[in-house]
Amino acid sequence: MSETMSIEDYLAQGGILTAPGNVPPRYRGELLRLMASFVDSELAASAGFASSINFAPGIRERIAASRITLEKADHAERVLAVMADFGTDTDRYQSSHDWAARVPRDSDLGAARREGDMRLSVFHYPITGWTDAVVMNVLQGLATGVQMTELALVSYAPLAEVFRAIAPREARHAELGLEGLARVVVTDEGRRQARESLGYWRPRIAAGFGAANSARYGMQARWGIRHTPNEDLLARWDRLTRDHLAPLGL
């Protein structure tokens, strides 16, 4: 970085930062917010899939649910280690919430966050059975894949490296979900249940992409924390969802 260029200008031109000591205070705040959202969502997702293991109809499905449960907790730990470089007390952080807690099924939280809990709102809703778990995993897995393409470009290099390492495993979670969904829809009853779950989860997962024309996005984009507007990410997810569900008759 040029000695005459501000960090803000450096970041706006595609620069990257490599250590906490180089990070301006407002950038630090936004970066920690992004990491907290990811960690809280992964911990809540892991807790949700843990409760779904016993819904599994067979050993193959039980292994898939167990793998997702394990790897999402591992992903949370990897990003939490980056947060520790910024002074986060990781032991206290991990025990700060009941990650398995859920709201009543008929709640409608929109995109709202709960105070001190940065998980995406979709991870406050309960999973009610195996088909419901599979559908949720497919839709959220595809959404996570879209988000990972964004997160892997973050201008804080140590975090970008973690996200790039995580991305293939998150993609595999979505693939496991699609494999499970293909087995579910071979029966009329399975297809009926899948359609019902799609109607429930689709708007709740869409809400996780955030508002269109977000003022926060503009600030994050100037710092290289974000690169693609919320509405574009949502549109990409919607196309992917339709492309994957159509061959299954959904």
Protein backbone atom coordinates (compact mmCIF):
# COMPACT_ATOMS: atom_id res chain seq x y z
CA MET A 1 0.00 0.00 0.00
CA SER A 2 1.30 3.45 -0.92
CA GLU A 3 2.34 5.63 2.02
CA THR A 4 0.15 8.41 0.62
CA MET A 5 -2.97 6.26 0.10
CA SER A 6 -5.55 5.86 2.88
CA ILE A 7 -6.59 2.37 3.91
CA GLU A 8 -10.11 3.16 2.73
CA ASP A 9 -8.87 4.06 -0.76
CA TYR A 10 -6.59 1.02 -0.77
CA LEU A 11 -9.52 -1.28 0.04
CA ALA A 12 -11.80 0.44 -2.48
CA GLN A 13 -9.23 -0.36 -5.18
CA GLY A 14 -9.17 -4.06 -4.31
CA GLY A 15 -6.50 -4.12 -1.62
CA ILE A 16 -6.36 -6.77 1.06
CA LEU A 17 -5.49 -6.71 4.76
CA THR A 18 -3.54 -9.47 6.45
CA ALA A 19 -3.44 -8.81 10.19
CA PRO A 20 -5.67 -7.29 12.90
CA GLY A 21 -3.21 -4.45 13.48
CA ASN A 22 -3.82 -3.10 9.98
CA VAL A 23 -7.60 -3.00 10.32
CA PRO A 24 -9.49 0.32 10.82
CA PRO A 25 -12.08 0.33 13.64
CA ARG A 26 -15.21 0.46 11.45
CA TYR A 27 -13.85 -2.21 9.14
CA ARG A 28 -13.13 -4.34 12.20
CA GLY A 29 -16.71 -3.94 13.38
CA GLU A 30 -18.17 -5.00 10.04
CA LEU A 31 -15.77 -7.91 9.70
CA LEU A 32 -16.60 -9.18 13.19
CA ARG A 33 -20.31 -8.84 12.39
CA LEU A 34 -19.87 -10.95 9.26
CA MET A 35 -17.87 -13.59 11.11
CA ALA A 36 -20.33 -13.71 14.01
CA SER A 37 -23.22 -14.23 11.60
CA PHE A 38 -21.40 -17.14 9.98
CA VAL A 39 -20.29 -18.74 13.26
CA ASP A 40 -23.70 -18.41 14.91
CA SER A 41 -25.46 -19.76 11.82
CA GLU A 42 -23.11 -22.75 11.56
CA LEU A 43 -23.46 -23.59 15.25
CA ALA A 44 -27.24 -23.32 15.05
CA ALA A 45 -27.30 -25.37 11.84
CA SER A 46 -25.14 -28.05 13.44
CA ALA A 47 -27.47 -28.21 16.43
CA GLY A 48 -30.49 -28.43 14.13
CA PHE A 49 -29.08 -31.28 12.07
CA ALA A 50 -27.99 -33.10 15.21
CA SER A 51 -31.64 -33.32 16.19
CA SER A 52 -32.45 -34.65 12.72
CA ILE A 53 -30.08 -37.63 12.83
CA ASN A 54 -32.72 -39.79 14.49
CA PHE A 55 -35.26 -38.83 11.80
CA ALA A 56 -33.06 -40.59 9.22
CA PRO A 57 -34.78 -43.56 7.56
CA GLY A 58 -31.57 -45.51 6.96
CA ILE A 59 -27.85 -45.75 7.69
CA ARG A 60 -26.83 -43.79 4.58
CA GLU A 61 -29.05 -40.89 5.60
CA ARG A 62 -27.89 -41.08 9.22
CA ILE A 63 -24.26 -40.82 8.09
CA ALA A 64 -25.08 -37.80 5.88
CA ALA A 65 -26.83 -35.98 8.72
CA SER A 66 -23.98 -36.80 11.11
CA ARG A 67 -21.40 -35.53 8.64
CA ILE A 68 -23.24 -32.23 8.18
CA THR A 69 -23.58 -31.87 11.97
CA LEU A 70 -19.85 -32.42 12.49
CA GLU A 71 -18.56 -30.30 9.62
CA LYS A 72 -20.73 -27.28 10.35
CA ALA A 73 -19.40 -27.23 13.91
CA ASP A 74 -15.88 -27.50 12.51
CA HIS A 75 -16.50 -24.59 10.13
CA ALA A 76 -17.72 -22.48 13.02
CA GLU A 77 -14.57 -23.31 14.96
CA ARG A 78 -12.32 -22.29 12.05
CA VAL A 79 -13.92 -18.86 11.69
CA LEU A 80 -14.06 -18.41 15.46
CA ALA A 81 -10.28 -18.87 15.48
CA VAL A 82 -10.00 -15.81 13.19
CA MET A 83 -12.28 -13.90 15.57
CA ALA A 84 -9.90 -14.84 18.39
CA ASP A 85 -7.16 -12.87 16.61
CA PHE A 86 -9.35 -9.80 17.18
CA GLY A 87 -9.68 -10.51 20.89
CA THR A 88 -12.85 -12.61 20.99
CA ASP A 89 -13.07 -14.88 24.05
CA THR A 90 -13.85 -18.08 22.14
CA ASP A 91 -14.73 -20.22 25.17
CA ARG A 92 -17.27 -17.68 26.38
CA TYR A 93 -18.58 -17.13 22.86
CA GLN A 94 -19.36 -20.80 22.26
CA SER A 95 -21.48 -21.01 25.40
CA SER A 96 -23.28 -17.70 24.93
CA HIS A 97 -26.48 -19.20 23.45
CA ASP A 98 -28.55 -22.34 23.31
CA TRP A 99 -27.79 -23.12 19.67
CA ALA A 100 -30.53 -25.75 19.53
CA ALA A 101 -33.25 -23.31 20.68
CA ARG A 102 -36.05 -22.78 18.17
CA VAL A 103 -39.15 -20.61 17.89
CA PRO A 104 -42.63 -22.05 17.27
CA ARG A 105 -43.00 -23.45 13.76
CA ASP A 106 -45.62 -20.90 12.71
CA SER A 107 -43.47 -17.88 13.67
CA ASP A 108 -42.49 -15.36 11.01
CA LEU A 109 -39.27 -13.58 11.93
CA GLY A 110 -38.52 -12.14 8.50
CA ALA A 111 -34.83 -11.21 8.43
CA ALA A 112 -34.78 -10.13 12.09
CA ARG A 113 -31.89 -11.05 14.38
CA ARG A 114 -32.28 -11.71 18.07
CA GLU A 115 -30.32 -9.49 20.42
CA GLY A 116 -26.77 -10.78 20.76
CA ASP A 117 -27.48 -13.76 18.47
CA MET A 118 -26.24 -13.27 14.92
CA ARG A 119 -27.53 -16.46 13.33
CA LEU A 120 -29.59 -16.02 10.17
CA SER A 121 -33.27 -16.00 11.11
CA VAL A 122 -33.88 -19.29 9.28
CA PHE A 123 -31.90 -21.11 11.96
CA HIS A 124 -34.45 -20.14 14.60
CA TYR A 125 -37.10 -22.38 13.00
CA PRO A 126 -37.58 -26.05 13.95
CA ILE A 127 -37.18 -29.06 11.66
CA THR A 128 -40.11 -31.46 11.98
CA GLY A 129 -39.07 -34.66 10.24
CA TRP A 130 -36.72 -36.26 7.74
CA THR A 131 -38.27 -34.82 4.57
CA ASP A 132 -38.39 -31.41 6.20
CA ALA A 133 -34.71 -31.71 7.13
CA VAL A 134 -33.74 -32.75 3.60
CA VAL A 135 -35.66 -29.90 1.97
CA MET A 136 -34.24 -27.35 4.39
CA ASN A 137 -30.73 -28.68 3.75
CA VAL A 138 -31.13 -28.47 -0.03
CA LEU A 139 -32.44 -24.91 -0.03
CA GLN A 140 -30.07 -23.60 2.63
CA GLY A 141 -27.18 -25.57 1.16
CA LEU A 142 -27.67 -23.88 -2.20
CA ALA A 143 -27.99 -20.51 -0.45
CA THR A 144 -24.76 -21.15 1.45
CA GLY A 145 -23.03 -22.03 -1.81
CA VAL A 146 -24.05 -18.69 -3.28
CA GLN A 147 -22.90 -16.87 -0.15
CA MET A 148 -19.57 -18.71 -0.11
CA THR A 149 -18.66 -17.28 -3.52
CA GLU A 150 -19.04 -13.87 -1.88
CA LEU A 151 -17.33 -14.71 1.41
CA ALA A 152 -14.28 -16.19 -0.32
CA LEU A 153 -13.54 -12.73 -1.79
CA VAL A 154 -13.52 -10.86 1.53
CA SER A 155 -10.63 -8.40 1.74
CA TYR A 156 -9.29 -9.77 5.03
CA ALA A 157 -6.96 -12.45 3.66
CA PRO A 158 -6.83 -14.88 6.65
CA LEU A 159 -10.62 -15.07 6.67
CA ALA A 160 -10.86 -15.44 2.89
CA GLU A 161 -8.48 -18.40 3.11
CA VAL A 162 -10.70 -20.08 5.71
CA PHE A 163 -13.81 -19.56 3.59
CA ARG A 164 -12.10 -20.97 0.50
CA ALA A 165 -11.14 -24.08 2.48
CA ILE A 166 -14.68 -24.46 3.82
CA ALA A 167 -16.52 -23.92 0.52
CA PRO A 168 -16.09 -27.42 -1.01
CA ARG A 169 -17.45 -29.10 2.11
CA GLU A 170 -20.43 -26.75 2.24
CA ALA A 171 -21.07 -27.59 -1.44
CA ARG A 172 -21.01 -31.28 -0.56
CA HIS A 173 -23.67 -30.70 2.09
CA ALA A 174 -26.01 -29.40 -0.60
CA GLU A 175 -25.17 -32.41 -2.80
CA LEU A 176 -26.01 -34.77 0.06
CA GLY A 177 -29.32 -33.00 0.44
CA LEU A 178 -30.13 -33.33 -3.26
CA GLU A 179 -29.26 -37.02 -3.16
CA GLY A 180 -31.59 -37.46 -0.19
CA LEU A 181 -34.36 -35.46 -1.83
CA ALA A 182 -34.18 -37.62 -4.96
CA ARG A 183 -34.87 -40.65 -2.75
CA VAL A 184 -37.74 -38.89 -0.96
CA VAL A 185 -39.72 -37.93 -4.08
CA VAL A 186 -39.94 -41.44 -5.53
CA THR A 187 -43.27 -41.81 -3.71
CA ASP A 188 -46.35 -39.64 -4.04
CA GLU A 189 -46.42 -39.05 -0.29
CA GLY A 190 -42.77 -38.07 -0.26
CA ARG A 191 -43.33 -35.62 -3.10
CA ARG A 192 -46.33 -34.14 -1.28
CA GLN A 193 -44.33 -33.67 1.91
CA ALA A 194 -41.41 -32.17 -0.02
CA ARG A 195 -43.67 -29.61 -1.69
CA GLU A 196 -45.16 -28.68 1.67
CA SER A 197 -41.69 -28.19 3.17
CA LEU A 198 -40.57 -26.17 0.14
CA GLY A 199 -43.45 -23.79 0.73
CA TYR A 200 -42.38 -23.38 4.34
CA TRP A 201 -38.62 -22.99 3.95
CA ARG A 202 -38.26 -21.10 0.70
CA PRO A 203 -39.37 -17.64 1.92
CA ARG A 204 -37.53 -18.07 5.22
CA ILE A 205 -34.26 -18.86 3.49
CA ALA A 206 -34.79 -16.06 0.96
CA ALA A 207 -35.04 -13.62 3.88
CA GLY A 208 -31.47 -14.51 4.85
CA PHE A 209 -30.09 -12.68 1.81
CA GLY A 210 -31.10 -9.36 3.35
CA ALA A 211 -32.84 -6.30 1.95
CA ALA A 212 -32.43 -5.01 -1.60
CA ASN A 213 -30.55 -1.72 -2.01
CA SER A 214 -28.95 -2.15 1.41
CA ALA A 215 -27.05 0.85 2.75
CA ARG A 216 -24.81 -1.49 4.74
CA TYR A 217 -23.85 -3.27 1.52
CA GLY A 218 -22.57 0.00 0.04
CA MET A 219 -20.28 0.53 3.02
CA GLN A 220 -19.07 -3.07 3.01
CA ALA A 221 -18.43 -2.96 -0.74
CA ARG A 222 -16.17 0.08 -0.39
CA TRP A 223 -14.05 -1.93 2.05
CA GLY A 224 -13.96 -5.10 -0.02
CA ILE A 225 -15.93 -7.02 2.59
CA ARG A 226 -18.76 -7.50 0.10
CA HIS A 227 -18.76 -7.55 -3.72
CA THR A 228 -22.27 -8.53 -4.88
CA PRO A 229 -25.57 -6.85 -3.85
CA ASN A 230 -28.09 -8.83 -1.81
CA GLU A 231 -30.66 -8.83 -4.60
CA ASP A 232 -28.18 -10.32 -7.08
CA LEU A 233 -27.23 -13.10 -4.67
CA LEU A 234 -30.92 -13.82 -4.05
CA ALA A 235 -31.62 -13.99 -7.79
CA ARG A 236 -28.69 -16.39 -8.26
CA TRP A 237 -30.01 -18.63 -5.49
CA ASP A 238 -33.51 -18.57 -6.96
CA ARG A 239 -32.19 -19.71 -10.36
CA LEU A 240 -30.09 -22.48 -8.79
CA THR A 241 -33.05 -23.66 -6.75
CA ARG A 242 -35.32 -23.87 -9.78
CA ASP A 243 -32.63 -25.61 -11.85
CA HIS A 244 -32.09 -28.30 -9.20
CA LEU A 245 -35.71 -28.85 -8.22
CA ALA A 246 -37.23 -29.00 -11.71
CA PRO A 247 -35.67 -32.39 -12.61
CA LEU A 248 -37.20 -33.79 -9.42
CA GLY A 249 -40.68 -32.63 -10.40
CA LEU A 250 -40.68 -29.92 -7.76
